[in-house]
Each structure stands twice: as structure tokens, then as C-alpha cells.
């Protein structure tokens, strides 16, 4: 296209499209401030010591433990029992794991390893936990060493062994 034809096409589009676009009934507005975006750090592959919180749609969201790598399954599970921090809550993350009655770390948590089975002793009943809460616990505990299968031992019974299975 020549310069003249390009200019003529642009002018025609402006003349023909201008009244159509102006007649849509939407008035222009200025920028509306709504605050800063929520920030959550997502761990990279191979990150050890990851806490799994729950997104609004029910899927698990990995959040790396601040002290990387986590020293033990108990330390990363303590972080899970503390629950999402303010910025994680602002990003929509939550938990389905019940709050422990003992509010002082280590919350009555303990863990032991036999071969590649990690047994986690929890300060609450596990039989009535939702599938999401169980997966949060299993995936968080296993994040310190992915070879582990996890047994959850509560005040009522044991559940497992189970491996971490994440939604796609």
C-alpha cells in the first residue's frame, strides 16, 4: 500500500468507526487504585521443605518454608499448623488442617522414620479429616524427602501409608 492509500484507509476507519465507538455508552474513567497485588513465593523444582496450603478452588498450593531447606518434617509441619501468613491469606490461601489445642510449638508433633516410611504423630484426630487436609499433611511432611510414604498417627487412629498426590 502506498502512503496515500494508508492515510486514506486510516481516515476512513476513524470517520466511520469513530461515531460507532463513541456511541457505546461507556464513559471514560481515570485509573482506580485497588492496592498492591498479593505476593506468594512458589517453590522451584526440588525445593525441600514446602508447606501445602489450599487455594480457593480446593487445589493444593506449594509455599516454600522460609528456612530452606527445612531441617525436619516436624519443622515444616509446625509451619503448616501455624497456618497461612497474612500475605498468603491475601492471596487466597487457606488450610483444612485443624488448629492444635496446644498453641505452643511444636504443638505436640513428632515424627520418626523407618526405611522409607515417615510416621507423623499429630495432636488431633485424623479419622475425620477431609481428603484435602490429609493431602496437606502428607505432602508437607513428604516435602523434606520425596522418597517417603507418610503415615499420619492421630489421637484416634492411624491413616496411610500415603504418597503426595497433587492435582494438575
N, C-alpha and C. Protein backbone atom coordinates (compact mmCIF):
# COMPACT_ATOMS: atom_id res chain seq x y z
N UNK A 1 0.84 -1.17 0.00
CA UNK A 1 0.00 0.00 0.00
C UNK A 1 0.89 1.24 0.00
N UNK A 2 0.45 2.24 -0.72
CA UNK A 2 1.21 3.50 -0.73
C UNK A 2 0.87 4.31 0.50
N UNK A 3 1.64 5.34 0.73
CA UNK A 3 1.40 6.20 1.88
C UNK A 3 0.03 6.87 1.80
N UNK A 4 -0.33 7.26 0.59
CA UNK A 4 -1.61 7.95 0.40
C UNK A 4 -2.76 7.01 0.72
N UNK A 5 -2.68 5.77 0.23
CA UNK A 5 -3.75 4.80 0.49
C UNK A 5 -3.83 4.46 1.99
N UNK A 6 -2.68 4.33 2.65
CA UNK A 6 -2.66 4.03 4.07
C UNK A 6 -3.32 5.17 4.86
N UNK A 7 -2.97 6.41 4.51
CA UNK A 7 -3.55 7.57 5.19
C UNK A 7 -5.05 7.63 4.94
N UNK A 8 -5.48 7.35 3.70
CA UNK A 8 -6.91 7.38 3.37
C UNK A 8 -7.66 6.29 4.12
N UNK A 9 -7.07 5.09 4.24
CA UNK A 9 -7.72 3.99 4.96
C UNK A 9 -7.85 4.32 6.44
N UNK A 10 -6.83 4.93 7.01
CA UNK A 10 -6.87 5.31 8.42
C UNK A 10 -7.92 6.38 8.66
N UNK A 11 -8.01 7.36 7.76
CA UNK A 11 -9.00 8.43 7.90
C UNK A 11 -10.42 7.87 7.78
N UNK A 12 -10.63 6.94 6.84
CA UNK A 12 -11.95 6.34 6.66
C UNK A 12 -12.35 5.53 7.89
N UNK A 13 -11.42 4.78 8.44
CA UNK A 13 -11.70 3.99 9.64
C UNK A 13 -12.06 4.90 10.81
N UNK A 14 -11.35 6.02 10.92
CA UNK A 14 -11.61 6.96 12.00
C UNK A 14 -12.98 7.61 11.84
N UNK A 15 -13.30 7.99 10.59
CA UNK A 15 -14.59 8.65 10.34
C UNK A 15 -15.76 7.68 10.51
N UNK A 16 -15.61 6.48 10.00
CA UNK A 16 -16.70 5.51 10.08
C UNK A 16 -16.79 4.86 11.46
N UNK A 17 -15.64 4.56 12.03
CA UNK A 17 -15.64 3.86 13.32
C UNK A 17 -15.79 4.78 14.51
N UNK A 18 -15.40 6.03 14.37
CA UNK A 18 -15.45 6.98 15.46
C UNK A 18 -16.84 7.12 16.07
N UNK A 19 -17.87 7.40 15.24
CA UNK A 19 -19.21 7.54 15.83
C UNK A 19 -19.71 6.23 16.44
N UNK A 20 -19.32 5.10 15.86
CA UNK A 20 -19.76 3.82 16.41
C UNK A 20 -19.12 3.58 17.78
N UNK A 21 -17.83 3.87 17.89
CA UNK A 21 -17.14 3.64 19.16
C UNK A 21 -17.60 4.63 20.23
N UNK A 22 -17.90 5.86 19.83
CA UNK A 22 -18.31 6.87 20.80
C UNK A 22 -19.72 6.62 21.31
N UNK A 23 -20.52 5.86 20.58
CA UNK A 23 -21.92 5.66 20.95
C UNK A 23 -22.16 4.45 21.82
N UNK A 24 -21.15 3.86 22.41
CA UNK A 24 -21.36 2.64 23.18
C UNK A 24 -21.90 2.91 24.58
N UNK A 25 -21.90 4.16 25.03
CA UNK A 25 -22.49 4.50 26.32
C UNK A 25 -21.57 4.34 27.50
N UNK A 26 -20.32 3.96 27.30
CA UNK A 26 -19.38 3.81 28.40
C UNK A 26 -18.55 5.08 28.50
N UNK A 27 -18.58 5.70 29.65
CA UNK A 27 -17.85 6.94 29.84
C UNK A 27 -16.43 6.62 30.28
N UNK A 28 -15.48 7.40 29.83
CA UNK A 28 -14.09 7.15 30.25
C UNK A 28 -13.91 7.45 31.73
N UNK A 29 -13.02 6.69 32.35
CA UNK A 29 -12.70 6.90 33.76
C UNK A 29 -11.20 6.97 33.92
N UNK A 30 -10.79 7.46 35.06
CA UNK A 30 -9.36 7.51 35.39
C UNK A 30 -8.92 6.18 35.98
N UNK A 31 -7.68 6.13 36.36
CA UNK A 31 -7.12 4.93 36.98
C UNK A 31 -7.70 4.80 38.39
N UNK A 32 -8.14 3.60 38.75
CA UNK A 32 -8.69 3.34 40.07
C UNK A 32 -7.70 2.50 40.84
N UNK A 33 -7.20 3.01 41.95
CA UNK A 33 -6.24 2.29 42.78
C UNK A 33 -6.97 1.23 43.61
N UNK A 34 -6.42 0.03 43.63
CA UNK A 34 -7.04 -1.03 44.43
C UNK A 34 -6.06 -1.71 45.37
N UNK A 35 -4.88 -1.17 45.55
CA UNK A 35 -3.89 -1.76 46.45
C UNK A 35 -2.89 -2.61 45.71
N UNK A 36 -1.93 -3.08 46.44
CA UNK A 36 -0.86 -3.91 45.86
C UNK A 36 -1.36 -5.33 45.63
N UNK A 37 -0.80 -5.96 44.64
CA UNK A 37 -1.14 -7.36 44.36
C UNK A 37 -0.58 -8.25 45.46
N UNK A 38 -1.31 -9.30 45.80
CA UNK A 38 -0.83 -10.26 46.79
C UNK A 38 0.37 -11.01 46.23
N UNK A 39 1.34 -11.31 47.09
CA UNK A 39 2.55 -11.99 46.64
C UNK A 39 2.72 -13.28 47.41
N UNK A 40 2.93 -14.36 46.68
CA UNK A 40 3.23 -15.65 47.27
C UNK A 40 4.40 -16.23 46.49
N UNK A 41 5.40 -16.74 47.18
CA UNK A 41 6.55 -17.34 46.52
C UNK A 41 6.23 -18.79 46.22
N UNK A 42 6.38 -19.17 44.96
CA UNK A 42 6.15 -20.55 44.55
C UNK A 42 7.51 -21.24 44.42
N UNK A 43 7.67 -22.40 45.05
CA UNK A 43 8.99 -23.05 45.04
C UNK A 43 9.34 -23.63 43.68
N UNK A 44 10.61 -23.68 43.42
CA UNK A 44 11.09 -24.30 42.20
C UNK A 44 11.19 -25.81 42.37
N UNK A 45 11.46 -26.51 41.28
CA UNK A 45 11.60 -27.97 41.36
C UNK A 45 12.71 -28.36 42.32
N UNK A 46 12.47 -29.39 43.09
CA UNK A 46 13.48 -29.89 44.00
C UNK A 46 13.60 -29.10 45.30
N UNK A 47 12.69 -28.15 45.54
CA UNK A 47 12.72 -27.39 46.77
C UNK A 47 12.29 -28.28 47.92
N UNK A 48 13.11 -28.37 48.95
CA UNK A 48 12.78 -29.19 50.11
C UNK A 48 12.15 -28.32 51.19
N UNK A 49 11.21 -28.89 51.93
CA UNK A 49 10.57 -28.15 53.00
C UNK A 49 9.49 -27.22 52.50
N UNK A 50 8.50 -27.77 51.85
CA UNK A 50 7.42 -26.99 51.27
C UNK A 50 6.14 -27.23 52.05
N UNK A 51 5.45 -26.15 52.39
CA UNK A 51 4.16 -26.23 53.07
C UNK A 51 3.08 -26.18 51.99
N UNK A 52 2.07 -27.00 52.14
CA UNK A 52 0.97 -27.03 51.16
C UNK A 52 -0.29 -26.45 51.78
N UNK A 53 -0.69 -25.26 51.27
CA UNK A 53 -1.93 -24.64 51.67
C UNK A 53 -2.98 -24.90 50.59
N UNK A 54 -4.19 -24.42 50.80
CA UNK A 54 -5.30 -24.71 49.89
C UNK A 54 -5.73 -23.43 49.18
N UNK A 55 -5.85 -23.52 47.86
CA UNK A 55 -6.34 -22.40 47.06
C UNK A 55 -7.87 -22.38 47.14
N UNK A 56 -8.49 -21.26 46.77
CA UNK A 56 -9.95 -21.17 46.83
C UNK A 56 -10.68 -22.27 46.05
N UNK A 57 -10.06 -22.79 44.99
CA UNK A 57 -10.71 -23.84 44.21
C UNK A 57 -10.48 -25.24 44.79
N UNK A 58 -9.78 -25.33 45.94
CA UNK A 58 -9.58 -26.61 46.60
C UNK A 58 -8.28 -27.32 46.26
N UNK A 59 -7.54 -26.82 45.29
CA UNK A 59 -6.26 -27.43 44.94
C UNK A 59 -5.19 -27.01 45.94
N UNK A 60 -4.15 -27.83 46.07
CA UNK A 60 -3.05 -27.51 46.97
C UNK A 60 -2.08 -26.56 46.29
N UNK A 61 -1.58 -25.60 47.07
CA UNK A 61 -0.60 -24.63 46.58
C UNK A 61 0.68 -24.77 47.40
N UNK A 62 1.82 -25.01 46.74
CA UNK A 62 3.07 -25.14 47.47
C UNK A 62 3.63 -23.78 47.87
N UNK A 63 4.05 -23.66 49.12
CA UNK A 63 4.69 -22.44 49.63
C UNK A 63 5.97 -22.89 50.32
N UNK A 64 7.13 -22.43 49.83
CA UNK A 64 8.39 -22.90 50.43
C UNK A 64 8.57 -22.41 51.85
N UNK A 65 9.11 -23.26 52.68
CA UNK A 65 9.44 -22.89 54.05
C UNK A 65 10.51 -21.81 53.99
N UNK A 66 10.43 -20.81 54.83
CA UNK A 66 11.36 -19.69 54.77
C UNK A 66 12.79 -20.11 55.06
N UNK A 67 12.98 -21.08 55.91
CA UNK A 67 14.33 -21.58 56.21
C UNK A 67 14.59 -22.78 55.31
N UNK A 68 15.09 -22.51 54.11
CA UNK A 68 15.32 -23.57 53.14
C UNK A 68 16.71 -24.16 53.32
N UNK A 69 16.89 -25.44 53.22
CA UNK A 69 15.81 -26.42 53.27
C UNK A 69 15.37 -26.65 54.72
N UNK A 70 14.14 -27.06 54.88
CA UNK A 70 13.61 -27.32 56.22
C UNK A 70 14.46 -28.41 56.88
N UNK A 71 14.67 -28.28 58.15
CA UNK A 71 15.55 -29.21 58.85
C UNK A 71 14.90 -30.57 59.11
N UNK A 72 13.57 -30.59 59.23
CA UNK A 72 12.90 -31.85 59.54
C UNK A 72 11.43 -31.78 59.15
N UNK A 73 10.79 -32.95 59.05
CA UNK A 73 9.35 -32.95 58.79
C UNK A 73 8.57 -32.20 59.89
N UNK A 74 9.04 -32.28 61.13
CA UNK A 74 8.34 -31.60 62.23
C UNK A 74 8.38 -30.09 62.03
N UNK A 75 9.53 -29.55 61.60
CA UNK A 75 9.63 -28.09 61.44
C UNK A 75 8.70 -27.59 60.33
N UNK A 76 8.62 -28.32 59.25
CA UNK A 76 7.75 -27.87 58.15
C UNK A 76 6.27 -28.10 58.51
N UNK A 77 5.97 -29.15 59.27
CA UNK A 77 4.59 -29.37 59.72
C UNK A 77 4.16 -28.32 60.75
N UNK A 78 5.10 -27.86 61.58
CA UNK A 78 4.77 -26.78 62.51
C UNK A 78 4.31 -25.55 61.73
N UNK A 79 4.99 -25.27 60.63
CA UNK A 79 4.61 -24.12 59.79
C UNK A 79 3.21 -24.30 59.23
N UNK A 80 2.86 -25.54 58.85
CA UNK A 80 1.51 -25.81 58.35
C UNK A 80 0.48 -25.57 59.45
N UNK A 81 0.78 -26.03 60.67
CA UNK A 81 -0.18 -25.86 61.77
C UNK A 81 -0.32 -24.40 62.20
N UNK A 82 0.69 -23.60 61.98
CA UNK A 82 0.58 -22.15 62.24
C UNK A 82 -0.44 -21.55 61.29
N UNK A 83 -0.49 -22.07 60.07
CA UNK A 83 -1.45 -21.60 59.08
C UNK A 83 -0.86 -20.55 58.17
N UNK A 84 -1.64 -20.14 57.16
CA UNK A 84 -1.13 -19.15 56.21
C UNK A 84 -0.86 -17.80 56.89
N UNK A 85 0.22 -17.15 56.48
CA UNK A 85 0.56 -15.82 56.97
C UNK A 85 -0.34 -14.79 56.28
N UNK A 86 -0.29 -13.55 56.72
CA UNK A 86 -1.18 -12.51 56.18
C UNK A 86 -1.11 -12.39 54.66
N UNK A 87 0.12 -12.37 54.10
CA UNK A 87 0.25 -12.22 52.65
C UNK A 87 -0.27 -13.46 51.92
N UNK A 88 -0.16 -14.63 52.54
CA UNK A 88 -0.69 -15.85 51.94
C UNK A 88 -2.22 -15.85 51.99
N UNK A 89 -2.78 -15.36 53.10
CA UNK A 89 -4.24 -15.22 53.19
C UNK A 89 -4.74 -14.22 52.15
N UNK A 90 -4.00 -13.11 51.98
CA UNK A 90 -4.39 -12.10 50.99
C UNK A 90 -4.39 -12.68 49.58
N UNK A 91 -3.55 -13.68 49.34
CA UNK A 91 -3.51 -14.33 48.03
C UNK A 91 -4.57 -15.41 47.91
N UNK A 92 -5.39 -15.59 48.95
CA UNK A 92 -6.48 -16.56 48.88
C UNK A 92 -6.15 -17.93 49.42
N UNK A 93 -4.99 -18.10 50.05
CA UNK A 93 -4.61 -19.41 50.56
C UNK A 93 -5.21 -19.65 51.94
N UNK A 94 -5.56 -20.89 52.20
CA UNK A 94 -6.12 -21.27 53.48
C UNK A 94 -5.64 -22.66 53.86
N UNK A 95 -6.30 -23.26 54.84
CA UNK A 95 -5.94 -24.60 55.28
C UNK A 95 -7.19 -25.35 55.70
N UNK A 96 -7.15 -26.66 55.58
CA UNK A 96 -8.24 -27.52 56.06
C UNK A 96 -7.79 -28.32 57.28
N UNK A 97 -6.52 -28.12 57.70
CA UNK A 97 -5.96 -28.83 58.85
C UNK A 97 -6.44 -28.13 60.12
N UNK A 98 -6.95 -28.89 61.09
CA UNK A 98 -7.43 -28.25 62.32
C UNK A 98 -6.30 -27.62 63.12
N UNK A 99 -6.64 -26.57 63.84
CA UNK A 99 -5.66 -25.92 64.71
C UNK A 99 -5.43 -26.82 65.93
N UNK A 100 -4.18 -26.99 66.34
CA UNK A 100 -3.91 -27.82 67.52
C UNK A 100 -4.40 -27.12 68.79
N UNK A 101 -4.80 -27.92 69.78
CA UNK A 101 -5.25 -27.36 71.05
C UNK A 101 -4.09 -26.68 71.77
N UNK A 102 -2.90 -27.28 71.69
CA UNK A 102 -1.70 -26.69 72.28
C UNK A 102 -1.16 -25.66 71.30
N UNK A 103 -1.22 -24.39 71.63
CA UNK A 103 -0.83 -23.32 70.72
C UNK A 103 0.66 -23.00 70.76
N UNK A 104 1.46 -23.79 71.50
CA UNK A 104 2.89 -23.54 71.60
C UNK A 104 3.64 -24.58 70.76
N UNK A 105 4.50 -24.12 69.83
CA UNK A 105 5.30 -25.07 69.06
C UNK A 105 6.11 -25.95 70.01
N UNK A 106 6.26 -27.21 69.72
CA UNK A 106 5.96 -27.93 68.48
C UNK A 106 4.55 -28.49 68.41
N UNK A 107 3.61 -27.99 69.17
CA UNK A 107 2.19 -28.35 69.09
C UNK A 107 1.91 -29.81 69.39
N UNK A 108 2.84 -30.54 69.98
CA UNK A 108 2.65 -31.97 70.24
C UNK A 108 2.96 -32.83 69.02
N UNK A 109 3.67 -32.28 68.04
CA UNK A 109 4.08 -33.02 66.84
C UNK A 109 5.34 -33.83 67.12
N UNK A 110 5.44 -34.98 66.46
CA UNK A 110 6.70 -35.72 66.44
C UNK A 110 6.70 -36.58 65.18
N UNK A 111 7.86 -37.03 64.80
CA UNK A 111 7.99 -37.84 63.58
C UNK A 111 9.12 -38.84 63.76
N UNK A 112 8.96 -39.99 63.10
CA UNK A 112 10.02 -41.00 63.10
C UNK A 112 10.05 -41.65 61.72
N UNK A 113 11.23 -42.11 61.34
CA UNK A 113 11.43 -42.72 60.03
C UNK A 113 11.87 -44.16 60.22
N UNK A 114 11.25 -45.05 59.45
CA UNK A 114 11.65 -46.44 59.41
C UNK A 114 11.72 -46.84 57.93
N UNK A 115 12.94 -46.99 57.42
CA UNK A 115 13.11 -47.25 55.99
C UNK A 115 12.69 -46.01 55.21
N UNK A 116 11.71 -46.19 54.31
CA UNK A 116 11.22 -45.02 53.59
C UNK A 116 9.78 -44.67 54.01
N UNK A 117 9.41 -45.06 55.23
CA UNK A 117 8.10 -44.70 55.80
C UNK A 117 8.33 -43.65 56.90
N UNK A 118 7.67 -42.54 56.75
CA UNK A 118 7.71 -41.47 57.73
C UNK A 118 6.40 -41.49 58.51
N UNK A 119 6.49 -41.71 59.81
CA UNK A 119 5.30 -41.70 60.66
C UNK A 119 5.27 -40.37 61.40
N UNK A 120 4.16 -39.66 61.23
CA UNK A 120 3.97 -38.36 61.87
C UNK A 120 2.90 -38.50 62.94
N UNK A 121 3.24 -38.13 64.16
CA UNK A 121 2.27 -38.15 65.25
C UNK A 121 1.70 -36.74 65.41
N UNK A 122 0.37 -36.66 65.31
CA UNK A 122 -0.33 -35.38 65.29
C UNK A 122 -1.15 -35.19 66.57
N UNK A 123 -1.38 -33.94 66.98
CA UNK A 123 -2.08 -33.67 68.23
C UNK A 123 -3.61 -33.61 68.09
N UNK A 124 -4.16 -34.24 67.06
CA UNK A 124 -5.61 -34.24 66.86
C UNK A 124 -6.02 -35.53 66.16
N UNK A 125 -7.32 -35.78 66.13
CA UNK A 125 -7.85 -36.99 65.48
C UNK A 125 -7.67 -36.88 63.96
N UNK A 126 -7.36 -38.00 63.31
CA UNK A 126 -7.13 -37.99 61.87
C UNK A 126 -8.22 -38.72 61.08
N UNK A 127 -9.03 -39.55 61.76
CA UNK A 127 -10.05 -40.33 61.04
C UNK A 127 -11.06 -39.44 60.32
N UNK A 128 -11.43 -38.33 60.91
CA UNK A 128 -12.45 -37.46 60.33
C UNK A 128 -11.91 -36.35 59.45
N UNK A 129 -10.60 -36.33 59.20
CA UNK A 129 -10.03 -35.27 58.37
C UNK A 129 -10.53 -35.39 56.94
N UNK A 130 -10.72 -34.25 56.28
CA UNK A 130 -11.09 -34.26 54.87
C UNK A 130 -9.92 -34.78 54.04
N UNK A 131 -10.21 -35.21 52.84
CA UNK A 131 -9.16 -35.67 51.93
C UNK A 131 -8.15 -34.55 51.70
N UNK A 132 -8.62 -33.32 51.58
CA UNK A 132 -7.72 -32.18 51.35
C UNK A 132 -6.79 -31.98 52.54
N UNK A 133 -7.31 -32.06 53.77
CA UNK A 133 -6.46 -31.91 54.96
C UNK A 133 -5.41 -33.02 55.02
N UNK A 134 -5.81 -34.24 54.71
CA UNK A 134 -4.85 -35.35 54.71
C UNK A 134 -3.75 -35.12 53.69
N UNK A 135 -4.14 -34.68 52.49
CA UNK A 135 -3.14 -34.42 51.45
C UNK A 135 -2.22 -33.28 51.85
N UNK A 136 -2.76 -32.24 52.51
CA UNK A 136 -1.90 -31.16 53.00
C UNK A 136 -0.83 -31.71 53.94
N UNK A 137 -1.25 -32.54 54.88
CA UNK A 137 -0.32 -33.11 55.85
C UNK A 137 0.70 -34.02 55.19
N UNK A 138 0.23 -34.92 54.33
CA UNK A 138 1.12 -35.89 53.67
C UNK A 138 2.13 -35.17 52.78
N UNK A 139 1.65 -34.24 51.94
CA UNK A 139 2.55 -33.55 51.01
C UNK A 139 3.54 -32.67 51.74
N UNK A 140 3.10 -32.00 52.80
CA UNK A 140 4.02 -31.16 53.58
C UNK A 140 5.08 -32.01 54.27
N UNK A 141 4.67 -33.10 54.90
CA UNK A 141 5.63 -33.98 55.57
C UNK A 141 6.61 -34.59 54.57
N UNK A 142 6.12 -35.06 53.44
CA UNK A 142 6.97 -35.72 52.45
C UNK A 142 7.85 -34.73 51.69
N UNK A 143 7.59 -33.44 51.80
CA UNK A 143 8.38 -32.46 51.05
C UNK A 143 9.83 -32.40 51.52
N UNK A 144 10.12 -32.89 52.72
CA UNK A 144 11.50 -32.89 53.19
C UNK A 144 12.31 -34.02 52.57
N UNK A 145 11.62 -35.06 52.09
CA UNK A 145 12.27 -36.14 51.37
C UNK A 145 11.20 -36.88 50.57
N UNK A 146 11.13 -36.63 49.25
CA UNK A 146 10.06 -37.20 48.43
C UNK A 146 10.01 -38.73 48.38
N UNK A 147 11.05 -39.41 48.85
CA UNK A 147 11.02 -40.88 48.82
C UNK A 147 10.07 -41.44 49.89
N UNK A 148 9.73 -40.61 50.89
CA UNK A 148 8.90 -41.08 52.00
C UNK A 148 7.45 -41.37 51.58
N UNK A 149 6.92 -42.47 52.14
CA UNK A 149 5.47 -42.62 52.22
C UNK A 149 5.14 -42.21 53.65
N UNK A 150 3.98 -41.62 53.84
CA UNK A 150 3.67 -40.99 55.12
C UNK A 150 2.50 -41.69 55.80
N UNK A 151 2.68 -41.97 57.08
CA UNK A 151 1.60 -42.48 57.94
C UNK A 151 1.26 -41.35 58.91
N UNK A 152 -0.02 -41.01 58.97
CA UNK A 152 -0.49 -40.00 59.90
C UNK A 152 -1.07 -40.71 61.12
N UNK A 153 -0.49 -40.49 62.30
CA UNK A 153 -0.99 -41.10 63.53
C UNK A 153 -1.59 -39.98 64.37
N UNK A 154 -2.90 -40.06 64.56
CA UNK A 154 -3.60 -39.05 65.35
C UNK A 154 -3.91 -39.55 66.74
N UNK A 155 -4.74 -38.82 67.44
CA UNK A 155 -5.14 -39.20 68.79
C UNK A 155 -6.14 -40.34 68.78
N UNK A 156 -6.66 -40.67 67.59
CA UNK A 156 -7.68 -41.71 67.47
C UNK A 156 -7.21 -42.96 66.73
N UNK A 157 -6.48 -42.79 65.65
CA UNK A 157 -6.09 -43.91 64.79
C UNK A 157 -4.93 -43.49 63.90
N UNK A 158 -4.53 -44.40 63.00
CA UNK A 158 -3.51 -44.10 62.00
C UNK A 158 -4.13 -44.17 60.62
N UNK A 159 -3.62 -43.33 59.71
CA UNK A 159 -4.08 -43.31 58.32
C UNK A 159 -2.85 -43.39 57.44
N UNK A 160 -2.91 -44.27 56.43
CA UNK A 160 -1.79 -44.37 55.50
C UNK A 160 -1.21 -45.76 55.53
N UNK A 161 -0.10 -45.97 54.90
CA UNK A 161 0.80 -45.00 54.30
C UNK A 161 0.26 -44.42 53.00
N UNK A 162 0.67 -43.18 52.74
CA UNK A 162 0.23 -42.48 51.54
C UNK A 162 1.39 -41.67 50.96
N UNK A 163 1.32 -41.45 49.67
CA UNK A 163 2.29 -40.60 48.98
C UNK A 163 1.61 -39.29 48.63
N UNK A 164 2.41 -38.27 48.40
CA UNK A 164 1.87 -36.98 48.00
C UNK A 164 1.33 -37.06 46.58
N UNK A 165 0.06 -36.78 46.43
CA UNK A 165 -0.57 -36.73 45.10
C UNK A 165 -1.16 -35.35 44.94
N UNK A 166 -0.61 -34.60 43.98
CA UNK A 166 -1.08 -33.24 43.73
C UNK A 166 -2.03 -33.21 42.55
N UNK A 167 -2.96 -32.24 42.59
CA UNK A 167 -3.87 -32.03 41.47
C UNK A 167 -3.11 -31.42 40.33
N UNK A 168 -3.58 -31.65 39.12
CA UNK A 168 -2.98 -30.99 37.94
C UNK A 168 -3.73 -29.74 37.62
